[in-house]
Amino acid sequence: MGQSHSQSQTHISVLPNEVMFIILQYLPPQEMKSAVLVCKALREMGEKPRFWTWAVATVNTKDDLLKLKLPRLQMVQEIDVTHPSRLVWMKREGLADLFQVIGEIPTVRRIRGLEFCKGIEGIEPDLVVSVLNSLEELNLCYDFYDEEDFEDMPLRLEAEQLELLFTAVAEKTNLKFLQVGGQLTEEISPELFAAAVSNVEEVKLENLYEDTEDMEDRDITDKHFEALYSIIAAKDRPLRKFTSERYYINDKSAIDPDLLSRAYNRLEEVTTDVRGSARQLTAVLRGLVEGDSRLKRLMLRIDWRQWNQLNQHIDQNLVRRAKKKFGQFYQDPCTVLENRRYLLDCIDIIDTSES
């Protein structure tokens, strides 16, 4: 005569807490959201902040700041303020309120859309520095503005805020990417600027005063760049990837081409604009080709108005050696113009077909 065996189910709530924690930490985000709805025990355990570090907290209105008070979000790493409705409150005291809340969450490393927020000039400098220097990515550059509204440009720091931030970054920072342009950099000493910028792994510098004749009238001056190149050439700094936009290797610059090449050789990736003579560009390339280098990628964006002159007068043997060492190291402006014309032709075709 056969025996019947009954099977009993064990509810998950009777498992030891240690086992429950192990189970929860391996759940993907969507299943974690479902797990906390199963029972009170799982909900209480699932509120632990360490289970929600992947979450992106969206802050569209001032009321959304209350979400950042939830226990589960006390170790959140990313906040998103990119929704258009943010403009309703960010123009008033919203950014100050946001910074106050973030100041209590030391794990925040990214704030999407921060560069489009206004009101930072009214925030206590120490709080600004505390929040910005704890991020991993920081964009302090915004050039889509009307000249009449320049003083009201989004995320344009006051001189005191900028100096304190650069001082903190120079000493110790979480920043891995920094973009700077349109700030009051000209009021920062070149030495402090160089110490801060060279202490970040990837940096993009952009001069917004492209058309000024006087290099010292730009927000990032020759003296700032010279101090930066000097510290890179002399010391092993964290900076590895460097891009400079609207600051040209050119005849008006007082920077020694030898200093440029020595600094570039200490980096791993360099992208820069070129608007100069064949003699100056040759001096930079020769230093890069003949010197010891850790440079893996070089991209020189040559001004199309000087392309023919440079192409005719530069040492072609030197160009071949540079290509062998770095690969394609310059952007052919003729190709860029052809691509632009092709794009415009496509737009015309689309416009014609829709009309």
Protein backbone atom coordinates (compact mmCIF):
# COMPACT_ATOMS: atom_id res chain seq x y z
CA MET A 1 0.00 0.00 0.00
CA GLY A 2 1.56 3.32 -1.05
CA GLN A 3 2.29 6.18 1.36
CA SER A 4 1.13 9.73 0.71
CA HIS A 5 3.49 12.56 1.44
CA SER A 6 2.17 16.02 2.22
CA GLN A 7 4.19 19.09 1.29
CA SER A 8 4.07 22.19 3.41
CA GLN A 9 5.06 25.62 2.19
CA THR A 10 7.31 27.86 4.27
CA HIS A 11 6.44 31.55 4.12
CA ILE A 12 9.38 33.76 3.25
CA SER A 13 8.80 35.83 6.39
CA VAL A 14 10.06 32.99 8.62
CA LEU A 15 13.48 32.99 6.98
CA PRO A 16 16.32 34.48 9.03
CA ASN A 17 16.97 38.17 8.33
CA GLU A 18 20.45 37.39 7.07
CA VAL A 19 18.99 35.13 4.37
CA MET A 20 16.35 37.70 3.47
CA PHE A 21 19.00 40.40 3.01
CA ILE A 22 21.00 38.14 0.71
CA ILE A 23 17.91 37.43 -1.40
CA LEU A 24 16.96 41.11 -1.66
CA GLN A 25 20.39 42.33 -2.67
CA TYR A 26 20.34 40.07 -5.74
CA LEU A 27 16.93 41.19 -6.98
CA PRO A 28 16.87 43.35 -10.14
CA PRO A 29 15.14 46.76 -9.81
CA GLN A 30 11.71 45.77 -11.11
CA GLU A 31 11.53 42.68 -8.88
CA MET A 32 12.69 44.74 -5.92
CA LYS A 33 9.75 47.08 -6.47
CA SER A 34 7.41 44.08 -6.41
CA ALA A 35 9.06 42.43 -3.42
CA VAL A 36 8.33 45.31 -1.05
CA LEU A 37 4.62 44.89 -1.84
CA VAL A 38 4.50 41.24 -0.72
CA CYS A 39 4.26 41.72 3.01
CA LYS A 40 5.08 44.09 5.86
CA ALA A 41 8.31 42.29 6.76
CA LEU A 42 9.67 42.58 3.22
CA ARG A 43 8.52 46.18 2.97
CA GLU A 44 10.35 47.17 6.15
CA MET A 45 13.46 45.29 5.15
CA GLY A 46 13.29 46.53 1.57
CA GLU A 47 13.36 50.17 2.68
CA LYS A 48 17.05 49.87 3.46
CA PRO A 49 18.86 52.47 1.30
CA ARG A 50 21.51 50.02 0.11
CA PHE A 51 18.88 48.22 -2.00
CA TRP A 52 17.98 51.40 -3.92
CA THR A 53 21.33 52.89 -4.95
CA TRP A 54 20.39 52.18 -8.61
CA ALA A 55 17.30 54.39 -8.47
CA VAL A 56 17.17 57.72 -10.33
CA ALA A 57 15.17 60.27 -8.35
CA THR A 58 13.18 62.51 -10.71
CA VAL A 59 12.58 66.02 -9.36
CA ASN A 60 10.14 67.95 -11.54
CA THR A 61 8.46 70.14 -8.92
CA LYS A 62 9.20 71.42 -5.46
CA ASP A 63 6.88 68.78 -4.01
CA ASP A 64 9.10 66.10 -5.56
CA LEU A 65 11.80 67.03 -3.05
CA LEU A 66 9.78 65.07 -0.50
CA LYS A 67 10.77 61.89 -2.34
CA LEU A 68 14.37 62.55 -1.39
CA LYS A 69 13.34 62.30 2.26
CA LEU A 70 12.24 58.66 1.85
CA PRO A 71 14.45 56.22 3.78
CA ARG A 72 15.06 54.10 0.67
CA LEU A 73 16.57 57.06 -1.23
CA GLN A 74 19.14 58.09 1.37
CA MET A 75 21.92 56.47 -0.67
CA VAL A 76 20.65 57.44 -4.12
CA GLN A 77 23.41 58.35 -6.58
CA GLU A 78 21.53 60.10 -9.40
CA ILE A 79 18.92 62.85 -9.54
CA ASP A 80 17.14 63.97 -12.72
CA VAL A 81 15.86 67.56 -13.05
CA THR A 82 15.57 67.62 -16.85
CA HIS A 83 11.76 67.71 -17.13
CA PRO A 84 10.52 71.04 -18.56
CA SER A 85 8.20 71.58 -15.60
CA ARG A 86 11.26 72.21 -13.44
CA LEU A 87 11.26 75.79 -14.79
CA VAL A 88 8.16 76.52 -12.70
CA TRP A 89 10.12 76.35 -9.47
CA MET A 90 13.81 76.32 -10.42
CA LYS A 91 13.58 80.00 -11.35
CA ARG A 92 12.58 80.87 -7.80
CA GLU A 93 14.01 79.09 -4.78
CA GLY A 94 13.92 75.61 -6.26
CA LEU A 95 17.65 75.12 -6.81
CA ALA A 96 18.49 76.31 -3.30
CA ASP A 97 15.94 73.87 -1.85
CA LEU A 98 17.32 71.07 -4.03
CA PHE A 99 20.88 71.75 -2.87
CA GLN A 100 19.76 71.77 0.77
CA VAL A 101 18.26 68.31 0.36
CA ILE A 102 21.20 66.95 -1.65
CA GLY A 103 23.55 68.27 1.01
CA GLU A 104 22.04 65.68 3.34
CA ILE A 105 22.59 62.82 0.85
CA PRO A 106 26.37 62.47 0.45
CA THR A 107 26.07 59.63 -2.09
CA VAL A 108 24.65 61.79 -4.93
CA ARG A 109 27.13 61.66 -7.84
CA ARG A 110 25.10 62.86 -10.84
CA ILE A 111 22.44 65.54 -11.36
CA ARG A 112 20.98 65.39 -14.87
CA GLY A 113 20.07 68.80 -16.26
CA LEU A 114 21.83 70.79 -13.56
CA GLU A 115 23.53 73.00 -16.17
CA PHE A 116 20.13 74.40 -17.21
CA CYS A 117 19.07 75.43 -13.71
CA LYS A 118 19.03 79.03 -12.52
CA GLY A 119 19.46 80.48 -9.07
CA ILE A 120 22.84 79.11 -8.00
CA GLU A 121 24.24 82.60 -7.41
CA GLY A 122 21.98 82.99 -4.37
CA ILE A 123 23.08 79.79 -2.65
CA GLU A 124 25.59 79.73 0.19
CA PRO A 125 29.05 79.15 -1.35
CA ASP A 126 29.97 76.36 1.08
CA LEU A 127 26.81 74.44 0.17
CA VAL A 128 27.46 74.92 -3.56
CA VAL A 129 30.99 73.56 -3.17
CA SER A 130 29.85 70.64 -1.02
CA VAL A 131 27.29 69.52 -3.60
CA LEU A 132 29.25 70.17 -6.80
CA ASN A 133 32.53 68.71 -5.59
CA SER A 134 30.80 65.48 -4.54
CA LEU A 135 29.54 64.85 -8.09
CA GLU A 136 31.34 62.68 -10.63
CA GLU A 137 30.24 64.76 -13.64
CA LEU A 138 29.91 68.54 -13.69
CA ASN A 139 29.05 70.76 -16.64
CA LEU A 140 29.81 74.42 -15.92
CA CYS A 141 29.41 75.46 -19.53
CA TYR A 142 26.31 76.76 -21.22
CA ASP A 143 26.57 78.79 -24.43
CA PHE A 144 22.99 78.77 -25.73
CA TYR A 145 22.14 82.21 -24.46
CA ASP A 146 21.41 85.70 -25.72
CA GLU A 147 24.13 88.24 -25.05
CA GLU A 148 21.56 90.45 -23.34
CA ASP A 149 20.83 87.67 -20.85
CA PHE A 150 24.44 86.73 -20.18
CA GLU A 151 24.35 87.83 -16.55
CA ASP A 152 21.34 85.55 -16.03
CA MET A 153 22.99 82.56 -17.67
CA PRO A 154 22.01 79.23 -16.10
CA LEU A 155 24.46 77.82 -13.55
CA ARG A 156 26.84 80.75 -13.77
CA LEU A 157 28.70 80.74 -10.48
CA GLU A 158 29.68 83.88 -8.61
CA ALA A 159 33.41 84.56 -8.32
CA GLU A 160 33.50 83.50 -4.66
CA GLN A 161 31.65 80.25 -5.38
CA LEU A 162 33.93 79.45 -8.30
CA GLU A 163 37.10 80.16 -6.34
CA LEU A 164 35.99 78.02 -3.41
CA LEU A 165 34.98 75.23 -5.78
CA PHE A 166 38.31 75.26 -7.59
CA THR A 167 40.13 75.32 -4.24
CA ALA A 168 38.21 72.23 -3.10
CA VAL A 169 38.71 70.42 -6.43
CA ALA A 170 42.44 71.14 -6.36
CA GLU A 171 42.70 69.51 -2.94
CA LYS A 172 40.38 66.51 -3.30
CA THR A 173 37.40 65.76 -5.52
CA ASN A 174 35.01 63.06 -6.68
CA LEU A 175 34.86 64.65 -10.13
CA LYS A 176 35.81 62.42 -13.04
CA PHE A 177 34.50 64.76 -15.77
CA LEU A 178 34.53 68.56 -15.74
CA GLN A 179 33.40 70.98 -18.44
CA VAL A 180 34.04 74.69 -17.96
CA GLY A 181 33.11 77.69 -20.11
CA GLY A 182 31.37 81.02 -19.72
CA GLN A 183 32.26 81.24 -16.03
CA LEU A 184 34.17 84.04 -14.27
CA THR A 185 37.37 82.08 -14.74
CA GLU A 186 39.34 85.23 -15.52
CA GLU A 187 38.96 86.17 -11.83
CA ILE A 188 40.58 82.90 -10.71
CA SER A 189 44.36 82.81 -10.44
CA PRO A 190 46.03 80.74 -13.19
CA GLU A 191 47.79 78.62 -10.56
CA LEU A 192 44.55 77.67 -8.79
CA PHE A 193 42.84 77.05 -12.13
CA ALA A 194 45.66 74.71 -13.21
CA ALA A 195 45.74 72.82 -9.91
CA ALA A 196 41.97 72.21 -10.00
CA VAL A 197 41.56 71.33 -13.68
CA SER A 198 44.54 68.97 -13.70
CA ASN A 199 43.09 67.09 -10.72
CA VAL A 200 40.16 65.75 -12.79
CA GLU A 201 40.50 62.73 -15.09
CA GLU A 202 38.59 64.16 -18.07
CA VAL A 203 38.25 67.88 -18.80
CA LYS A 204 36.64 69.93 -21.54
CA LEU A 205 37.39 73.67 -21.65
CA GLU A 206 35.39 75.98 -23.88
CA ASN A 207 35.96 79.66 -24.50
CA LEU A 208 32.71 81.44 -25.23
CA TYR A 209 34.41 84.63 -26.43
CA GLU A 210 35.57 83.10 -29.68
CA ASP A 211 35.79 86.23 -31.80
CA THR A 212 37.67 88.54 -29.45
CA GLU A 213 41.04 89.67 -30.80
CA ASP A 214 42.65 89.98 -27.37
CA MET A 215 43.41 86.53 -25.93
CA GLU A 216 43.37 88.02 -22.43
CA ASP A 217 39.75 89.14 -22.87
CA ARG A 218 38.59 85.53 -22.96
CA ASP A 219 37.09 83.84 -19.91
CA ILE A 220 39.95 81.31 -19.96
CA THR A 221 43.07 83.27 -20.83
CA ASP A 222 46.50 82.38 -22.19
CA LYS A 223 47.86 82.60 -18.66
CA HIS A 224 45.36 80.01 -17.45
CA PHE A 225 46.23 77.62 -20.27
CA GLU A 226 49.95 78.18 -19.80
CA ALA A 227 49.69 77.41 -16.08
CA LEU A 228 47.68 74.27 -16.90
CA TYR A 229 50.16 73.03 -19.51
CA SER A 230 53.07 73.79 -17.19
CA ILE A 231 51.72 71.72 -14.30
CA ILE A 232 50.84 68.83 -16.63
CA ALA A 233 54.29 68.84 -18.20
CA ALA A 234 56.06 68.99 -14.82
CA LYS A 235 54.00 66.62 -12.69
CA ASP A 236 52.05 63.40 -13.01
CA ARG A 237 48.50 64.68 -12.57
CA PRO A 238 45.17 62.76 -12.68
CA LEU A 239 44.14 64.51 -15.92
CA ARG A 240 44.16 62.03 -18.82
CA LYS A 241 41.60 63.21 -21.41
CA PHE A 242 41.66 66.85 -22.47
CA THR A 243 39.56 68.85 -24.94
CA SER A 244 39.81 72.58 -25.62
CA GLU A 245 37.19 74.21 -27.80
CA ARG A 246 37.45 77.69 -29.30
CA TYR A 247 40.94 78.02 -27.91
CA TYR A 248 43.34 77.66 -30.78
CA ILE A 249 46.91 76.64 -31.36
CA ASN A 250 47.58 79.93 -33.13
CA ASP A 251 50.07 82.70 -33.82
CA LYS A 252 48.52 85.05 -31.25
CA SER A 253 49.09 82.64 -28.40
CA ALA A 254 52.10 83.30 -26.18
CA ILE A 255 52.37 79.64 -25.22
CA ASP A 256 55.58 77.91 -26.28
CA PRO A 257 54.86 75.06 -28.76
CA ASP A 258 57.46 72.96 -26.91
CA LEU A 259 55.45 73.35 -23.68
CA LEU A 260 52.31 72.29 -25.53
CA SER A 261 53.87 69.14 -26.91
CA ARG A 262 55.44 68.20 -23.55
CA ALA A 263 52.08 68.62 -21.83
CA TYR A 264 50.20 66.68 -24.50
CA ASN A 265 52.70 63.85 -24.23
CA ARG A 266 51.75 63.41 -20.56
CA LEU A 267 48.08 62.92 -21.46
CA GLU A 268 46.29 59.97 -23.07
CA GLU A 269 43.75 61.82 -25.26
CA VAL A 270 43.89 65.36 -26.64
CA THR A 271 41.39 67.21 -28.84
CA THR A 272 42.04 70.86 -29.71
CA ASP A 273 41.33 73.49 -32.34
CA VAL A 274 44.06 74.77 -34.67
CA ARG A 275 44.16 78.20 -36.26
CA GLY A 276 47.84 78.99 -36.75
CA SER A 277 50.88 78.89 -38.97
CA ALA A 278 52.53 75.80 -40.42
CA ARG A 279 55.67 76.70 -38.46
CA GLN A 280 53.88 76.60 -35.12
CA LEU A 281 51.94 73.43 -35.90
CA THR A 282 55.16 71.77 -37.10
CA ALA A 283 56.88 72.61 -33.82
CA VAL A 284 54.02 71.03 -31.82
CA LEU A 285 53.89 67.91 -33.99
CA ARG A 286 57.65 67.43 -33.88
CA GLY A 287 57.59 67.50 -30.10
CA LEU A 288 54.79 64.94 -30.06
CA VAL A 289 56.47 62.61 -32.55
CA GLU A 290 60.00 62.76 -31.18
CA GLY A 291 59.27 62.90 -27.46
CA ASP A 292 58.38 60.06 -25.09
CA SER A 293 54.61 59.94 -24.99
CA ARG A 294 51.69 58.22 -23.32
CA LEU A 295 49.34 59.87 -25.83
CA LYS A 296 46.97 57.34 -27.41
CA ARG A 297 44.63 59.64 -29.31
CA LEU A 298 45.26 63.05 -30.87
CA MET A 299 42.69 65.09 -32.78
CA LEU A 300 43.53 68.51 -34.22
CA ARG A 301 40.49 70.34 -35.59
CA ILE A 302 41.93 72.64 -38.23
CA ASP A 303 40.19 75.88 -39.20
CA TRP A 304 38.89 75.41 -42.74
CA ARG A 305 40.02 78.91 -43.74
CA GLN A 306 43.65 77.90 -43.17
CA TRP A 307 43.50 74.31 -44.32
CA ASN A 308 45.13 74.86 -47.73
CA GLN A 309 47.95 76.94 -46.29
CA LEU A 310 48.76 74.43 -43.57
CA ASN A 311 48.42 71.46 -45.90
CA GLN A 312 50.85 72.97 -48.41
CA HIS A 313 53.55 74.18 -46.03
CA ILE A 314 53.69 71.60 -43.26
CA ASP A 315 56.35 68.89 -43.43
CA GLN A 316 54.53 65.90 -44.97
CA ASN A 317 57.11 63.46 -43.64
CA LEU A 318 56.29 64.72 -40.16
CA VAL A 319 52.59 64.24 -40.90
CA ARG A 320 53.21 60.63 -41.93
CA ARG A 321 55.19 59.97 -38.74
CA ALA A 322 52.42 61.47 -36.66
CA LYS A 323 49.83 59.32 -38.42
CA LYS A 324 51.91 56.24 -37.78
CA LYS A 325 52.12 57.08 -34.09
CA PHE A 326 48.61 58.40 -33.42
CA GLY A 327 46.51 57.33 -36.38
CA GLN A 328 44.33 59.93 -38.13
CA PHE A 329 45.17 62.93 -35.96
CA TYR A 330 43.42 65.77 -37.76
CA GLN A 331 39.91 66.49 -38.91
CA ASP A 332 39.84 67.40 -42.58
CA PRO A 333 37.66 70.53 -42.74
CA CYS A 334 36.97 69.93 -46.44
CA THR A 335 35.27 66.64 -45.55
CA VAL A 336 33.37 68.39 -42.76
CA LEU A 337 32.13 71.04 -45.20
CA GLU A 338 31.09 68.39 -47.73
CA ASN A 339 29.16 66.52 -45.04
CA ARG A 340 27.51 69.77 -43.99
CA ARG A 341 26.49 70.56 -47.57
CA TYR A 342 25.12 67.02 -47.95
CA LEU A 343 23.08 67.45 -44.77
CA LEU A 344 21.70 70.79 -45.94
CA ASP A 345 20.78 69.26 -49.31
CA CYS A 346 18.90 66.47 -47.50
CA ILE A 347 17.03 69.05 -45.43
CA ASP A 348 16.08 70.95 -48.59
CA ILE A 349 14.80 67.74 -50.18
CA ILE A 350 12.70 66.94 -47.11
CA ASP A 351 11.30 70.49 -46.96
CA THR A 352 10.42 70.36 -50.67
CA SER A 353 8.67 67.01 -50.37
CA GLU A 354 6.59 68.15 -47.38
CA SER A 355 5.51 71.44 -48.94
